[in-house]
Amino acid sequence: MFRIAIILFIFFFSNPSFSAVVRGSITDVNHKPIPFASVYLKNTTYGVASDFKGRYYINIKKEGVCMLVFSCVGYQTVEKKISVTKN
């Protein structure tokens, strides 16, 4: 039983997963929030929607350079390149 516990401990803690949170607020040119806009990682199916105050947060599970895409009906789509690090 002790061996199984050690094997499980090594399995779960030897490969720590990486996750970074990117958060922000989506506004128009007059600095008014854009509610329920889409925010997603380009070339993936992973994304979130902003809340009614235009705020969003998205977990990114890989390090490196990513492209975030912001879109909403009636607005121009914007792409922003970000760099994700462990720090």
N, C-alpha and C. Protein backbone atom coordinates (compact mmCIF):
# COMPACT_ATOMS: atom_id res chain seq x y z
N MET A 1 0.82 -1.20 0.00
CA MET A 1 0.00 0.00 0.00
C MET A 1 0.87 1.26 0.00
N PHE A 2 1.98 1.20 0.75
CA PHE A 2 2.89 2.34 0.84
C PHE A 2 3.51 2.63 -0.53
N ARG A 3 3.84 1.57 -1.28
CA ARG A 3 4.43 1.74 -2.62
C ARG A 3 3.45 2.43 -3.56
N ILE A 4 2.19 2.07 -3.47
CA ILE A 4 1.18 2.69 -4.33
C ILE A 4 1.07 4.18 -4.01
N ALA A 5 1.10 4.51 -2.73
CA ALA A 5 1.01 5.91 -2.33
C ALA A 5 2.20 6.70 -2.86
N ILE A 6 3.39 6.15 -2.81
CA ILE A 6 4.58 6.84 -3.32
C ILE A 6 4.49 7.00 -4.84
N ILE A 7 4.05 5.98 -5.53
CA ILE A 7 3.91 6.06 -6.99
C ILE A 7 2.90 7.14 -7.37
N LEU A 8 1.78 7.19 -6.67
CA LEU A 8 0.79 8.22 -6.94
C LEU A 8 1.33 9.62 -6.65
N PHE A 9 2.08 9.74 -5.56
CA PHE A 9 2.67 11.03 -5.20
C PHE A 9 3.63 11.50 -6.30
N ILE A 10 4.48 10.61 -6.78
CA ILE A 10 5.43 10.96 -7.84
C ILE A 10 4.68 11.31 -9.12
N PHE A 11 3.65 10.57 -9.44
CA PHE A 11 2.88 10.82 -10.66
C PHE A 11 2.22 12.20 -10.65
N PHE A 12 1.61 12.56 -9.53
CA PHE A 12 0.87 13.81 -9.47
C PHE A 12 1.75 15.05 -9.28
N PHE A 13 2.91 14.90 -8.65
CA PHE A 13 3.71 16.06 -8.32
C PHE A 13 5.03 16.18 -9.08
N SER A 14 5.39 15.19 -9.86
CA SER A 14 6.65 15.28 -10.60
C SER A 14 6.50 16.07 -11.90
N ASN A 15 5.30 16.22 -12.39
CA ASN A 15 5.06 16.94 -13.63
C ASN A 15 4.13 18.12 -13.36
N PRO A 16 4.68 19.19 -12.78
CA PRO A 16 3.79 20.31 -12.46
C PRO A 16 3.26 20.96 -13.73
N SER A 17 2.00 21.26 -13.72
CA SER A 17 1.42 21.90 -14.90
C SER A 17 1.57 23.41 -14.78
N PHE A 18 1.68 24.05 -15.93
CA PHE A 18 1.86 25.49 -16.00
C PHE A 18 0.54 26.13 -16.39
N SER A 19 0.21 27.21 -15.73
CA SER A 19 -0.98 27.95 -16.10
C SER A 19 -0.79 29.41 -15.72
N ALA A 20 -1.06 30.30 -16.65
CA ALA A 20 -0.97 31.73 -16.39
C ALA A 20 -2.35 32.33 -16.63
N VAL A 21 -2.68 33.35 -15.86
CA VAL A 21 -3.96 34.02 -16.01
C VAL A 21 -3.72 35.39 -16.64
N VAL A 22 -4.43 35.64 -17.71
CA VAL A 22 -4.41 36.96 -18.34
C VAL A 22 -5.78 37.57 -18.09
N ARG A 23 -5.77 38.77 -17.54
CA ARG A 23 -7.04 39.43 -17.26
C ARG A 23 -6.99 40.86 -17.74
N GLY A 24 -8.15 41.40 -18.01
CA GLY A 24 -8.21 42.77 -18.48
C GLY A 24 -9.64 43.23 -18.66
N SER A 25 -9.78 44.33 -19.35
CA SER A 25 -11.09 44.92 -19.59
C SER A 25 -11.16 45.35 -21.04
N ILE A 26 -12.27 45.10 -21.67
CA ILE A 26 -12.48 45.44 -23.07
C ILE A 26 -13.37 46.68 -23.13
N THR A 27 -12.86 47.73 -23.78
CA THR A 27 -13.61 48.98 -23.88
C THR A 27 -13.62 49.49 -25.32
N ASP A 28 -14.53 50.39 -25.60
CA ASP A 28 -14.56 51.02 -26.92
C ASP A 28 -13.67 52.26 -26.92
N VAL A 29 -13.69 53.03 -27.99
CA VAL A 29 -12.81 54.20 -28.10
C VAL A 29 -13.16 55.28 -27.08
N ASN A 30 -14.38 55.24 -26.54
CA ASN A 30 -14.80 56.20 -25.51
C ASN A 30 -14.61 55.66 -24.10
N HIS A 31 -13.89 54.54 -23.99
CA HIS A 31 -13.59 53.88 -22.71
C HIS A 31 -14.84 53.34 -22.01
N LYS A 32 -15.87 53.03 -22.78
CA LYS A 32 -17.06 52.38 -22.22
C LYS A 32 -16.89 50.88 -22.38
N PRO A 33 -17.25 50.11 -21.36
CA PRO A 33 -17.06 48.65 -21.44
C PRO A 33 -17.89 48.02 -22.55
N ILE A 34 -17.31 46.97 -23.15
CA ILE A 34 -18.02 46.18 -24.15
C ILE A 34 -18.38 44.85 -23.51
N PRO A 35 -19.65 44.68 -23.12
CA PRO A 35 -20.04 43.43 -22.45
C PRO A 35 -20.14 42.26 -23.42
N PHE A 36 -19.82 41.10 -22.92
CA PHE A 36 -20.00 39.82 -23.61
C PHE A 36 -19.21 39.71 -24.92
N ALA A 37 -18.07 40.38 -24.98
CA ALA A 37 -17.16 40.24 -26.12
C ALA A 37 -16.42 38.91 -26.00
N SER A 38 -15.99 38.37 -27.11
CA SER A 38 -15.24 37.11 -27.12
C SER A 38 -13.75 37.38 -27.04
N VAL A 39 -13.07 36.58 -26.23
CA VAL A 39 -11.61 36.62 -26.13
C VAL A 39 -11.14 35.18 -26.30
N TYR A 40 -10.28 34.94 -27.28
CA TYR A 40 -9.83 33.57 -27.49
C TYR A 40 -8.40 33.54 -28.00
N LEU A 41 -7.77 32.39 -27.83
CA LEU A 41 -6.43 32.17 -28.35
C LEU A 41 -6.54 31.83 -29.83
N LYS A 42 -5.82 32.55 -30.65
CA LYS A 42 -5.88 32.35 -32.09
C LYS A 42 -5.48 30.93 -32.46
N ASN A 43 -6.16 30.37 -33.43
CA ASN A 43 -5.92 29.01 -33.94
C ASN A 43 -6.22 27.93 -32.92
N THR A 44 -7.08 28.25 -31.94
CA THR A 44 -7.55 27.24 -30.98
C THR A 44 -9.06 27.38 -30.83
N THR A 45 -9.64 26.48 -30.08
CA THR A 45 -11.06 26.59 -29.75
C THR A 45 -11.26 27.06 -28.33
N TYR A 46 -10.18 27.53 -27.68
CA TYR A 46 -10.24 27.94 -26.29
C TYR A 46 -10.47 29.44 -26.18
N GLY A 47 -11.50 29.83 -25.45
CA GLY A 47 -11.78 31.24 -25.27
C GLY A 47 -12.77 31.49 -24.15
N VAL A 48 -12.99 32.76 -23.87
CA VAL A 48 -13.92 33.18 -22.82
C VAL A 48 -14.71 34.37 -23.34
N ALA A 49 -15.72 34.76 -22.59
CA ALA A 49 -16.49 35.97 -22.89
C ALA A 49 -16.32 36.95 -21.74
N SER A 50 -16.30 38.23 -22.08
CA SER A 50 -16.21 39.25 -21.03
C SER A 50 -17.55 39.32 -20.29
N ASP A 51 -17.50 39.84 -19.07
CA ASP A 51 -18.74 39.98 -18.29
C ASP A 51 -19.46 41.27 -18.70
N PHE A 52 -20.50 41.64 -17.97
CA PHE A 52 -21.30 42.79 -18.35
C PHE A 52 -20.56 44.12 -18.18
N LYS A 53 -19.41 44.11 -17.49
CA LYS A 53 -18.57 45.30 -17.36
C LYS A 53 -17.36 45.24 -18.29
N GLY A 54 -17.32 44.28 -19.20
CA GLY A 54 -16.23 44.16 -20.16
C GLY A 54 -14.99 43.48 -19.61
N ARG A 55 -15.05 42.97 -18.38
CA ARG A 55 -13.88 42.32 -17.78
C ARG A 55 -13.80 40.86 -18.21
N TYR A 56 -12.57 40.37 -18.34
CA TYR A 56 -12.36 38.98 -18.72
C TYR A 56 -11.12 38.45 -18.00
N TYR A 57 -11.03 37.15 -17.90
CA TYR A 57 -9.78 36.48 -17.52
C TYR A 57 -9.75 35.14 -18.23
N ILE A 58 -8.55 34.81 -18.68
CA ILE A 58 -8.38 33.57 -19.44
C ILE A 58 -7.12 32.86 -18.95
N ASN A 59 -7.23 31.58 -18.71
CA ASN A 59 -6.08 30.75 -18.31
C ASN A 59 -5.36 30.29 -19.57
N ILE A 60 -4.05 30.51 -19.59
CA ILE A 60 -3.23 30.05 -20.71
C ILE A 60 -2.28 29.00 -20.17
N LYS A 61 -2.31 27.83 -20.75
CA LYS A 61 -1.59 26.69 -20.21
C LYS A 61 -0.28 26.38 -20.92
N LYS A 62 0.23 27.34 -21.68
CA LYS A 62 1.53 27.10 -22.32
C LYS A 62 2.35 28.39 -22.26
N GLU A 63 3.64 28.19 -22.16
CA GLU A 63 4.56 29.33 -22.17
C GLU A 63 4.86 29.72 -23.60
N GLY A 64 5.23 30.97 -23.78
CA GLY A 64 5.63 31.44 -25.09
C GLY A 64 4.78 32.59 -25.57
N VAL A 65 4.87 32.84 -26.86
CA VAL A 65 4.13 33.93 -27.47
C VAL A 65 2.78 33.40 -27.94
N CYS A 66 1.73 34.10 -27.57
CA CYS A 66 0.37 33.73 -27.97
C CYS A 66 -0.31 34.94 -28.60
N MET A 67 -1.32 34.69 -29.39
CA MET A 67 -2.10 35.76 -29.99
C MET A 67 -3.50 35.69 -29.41
N LEU A 68 -3.90 36.76 -28.69
CA LEU A 68 -5.26 36.85 -28.19
C LEU A 68 -6.10 37.62 -29.21
N VAL A 69 -7.31 37.12 -29.45
CA VAL A 69 -8.23 37.76 -30.38
C VAL A 69 -9.44 38.25 -29.60
N PHE A 70 -9.78 39.52 -29.81
CA PHE A 70 -10.93 40.14 -29.16
C PHE A 70 -11.95 40.48 -30.24
N SER A 71 -13.17 39.99 -30.08
CA SER A 71 -14.18 40.26 -31.10
C SER A 71 -15.56 40.42 -30.47
N CYS A 72 -16.37 41.22 -31.14
CA CYS A 72 -17.75 41.44 -30.72
C CYS A 72 -18.52 41.97 -31.92
N VAL A 73 -19.76 41.58 -32.06
CA VAL A 73 -20.59 42.02 -33.18
C VAL A 73 -20.70 43.55 -33.14
N GLY A 74 -20.45 44.17 -34.28
CA GLY A 74 -20.54 45.62 -34.38
C GLY A 74 -19.23 46.34 -34.12
N TYR A 75 -18.17 45.59 -33.77
CA TYR A 75 -16.87 46.18 -33.49
C TYR A 75 -15.81 45.51 -34.37
N GLN A 76 -14.73 46.22 -34.58
CA GLN A 76 -13.61 45.66 -35.33
C GLN A 76 -12.89 44.63 -34.46
N THR A 77 -12.51 43.50 -35.05
CA THR A 77 -11.76 42.48 -34.34
C THR A 77 -10.33 42.96 -34.14
N VAL A 78 -9.81 42.73 -32.93
CA VAL A 78 -8.45 43.16 -32.59
C VAL A 78 -7.65 41.94 -32.15
N GLU A 79 -6.41 41.84 -32.63
CA GLU A 79 -5.49 40.78 -32.21
C GLU A 79 -4.33 41.41 -31.47
N LYS A 80 -3.97 40.81 -30.32
CA LYS A 80 -2.85 41.30 -29.52
C LYS A 80 -1.91 40.15 -29.23
N LYS A 81 -0.62 40.37 -29.53
CA LYS A 81 0.40 39.37 -29.23
C LYS A 81 0.84 39.56 -27.80
N ILE A 82 0.89 38.46 -27.05
CA ILE A 82 1.35 38.52 -25.66
C ILE A 82 2.43 37.46 -25.45
N SER A 83 3.27 37.69 -24.48
CA SER A 83 4.31 36.75 -24.11
C SER A 83 3.99 36.21 -22.72
N VAL A 84 3.87 34.90 -22.63
CA VAL A 84 3.50 34.24 -21.38
C VAL A 84 4.75 33.58 -20.79
N THR A 85 5.08 33.94 -19.54
CA THR A 85 6.22 33.33 -18.85
C THR A 85 5.78 32.83 -17.49
N LYS A 86 6.63 32.07 -16.85
CA LYS A 86 6.32 31.56 -15.52
C LYS A 86 6.28 32.67 -14.48
N ASN A 87 6.95 33.76 -14.75
CA ASN A 87 6.96 34.88 -13.79
C ASN A 87 5.80 35.80 -14.05
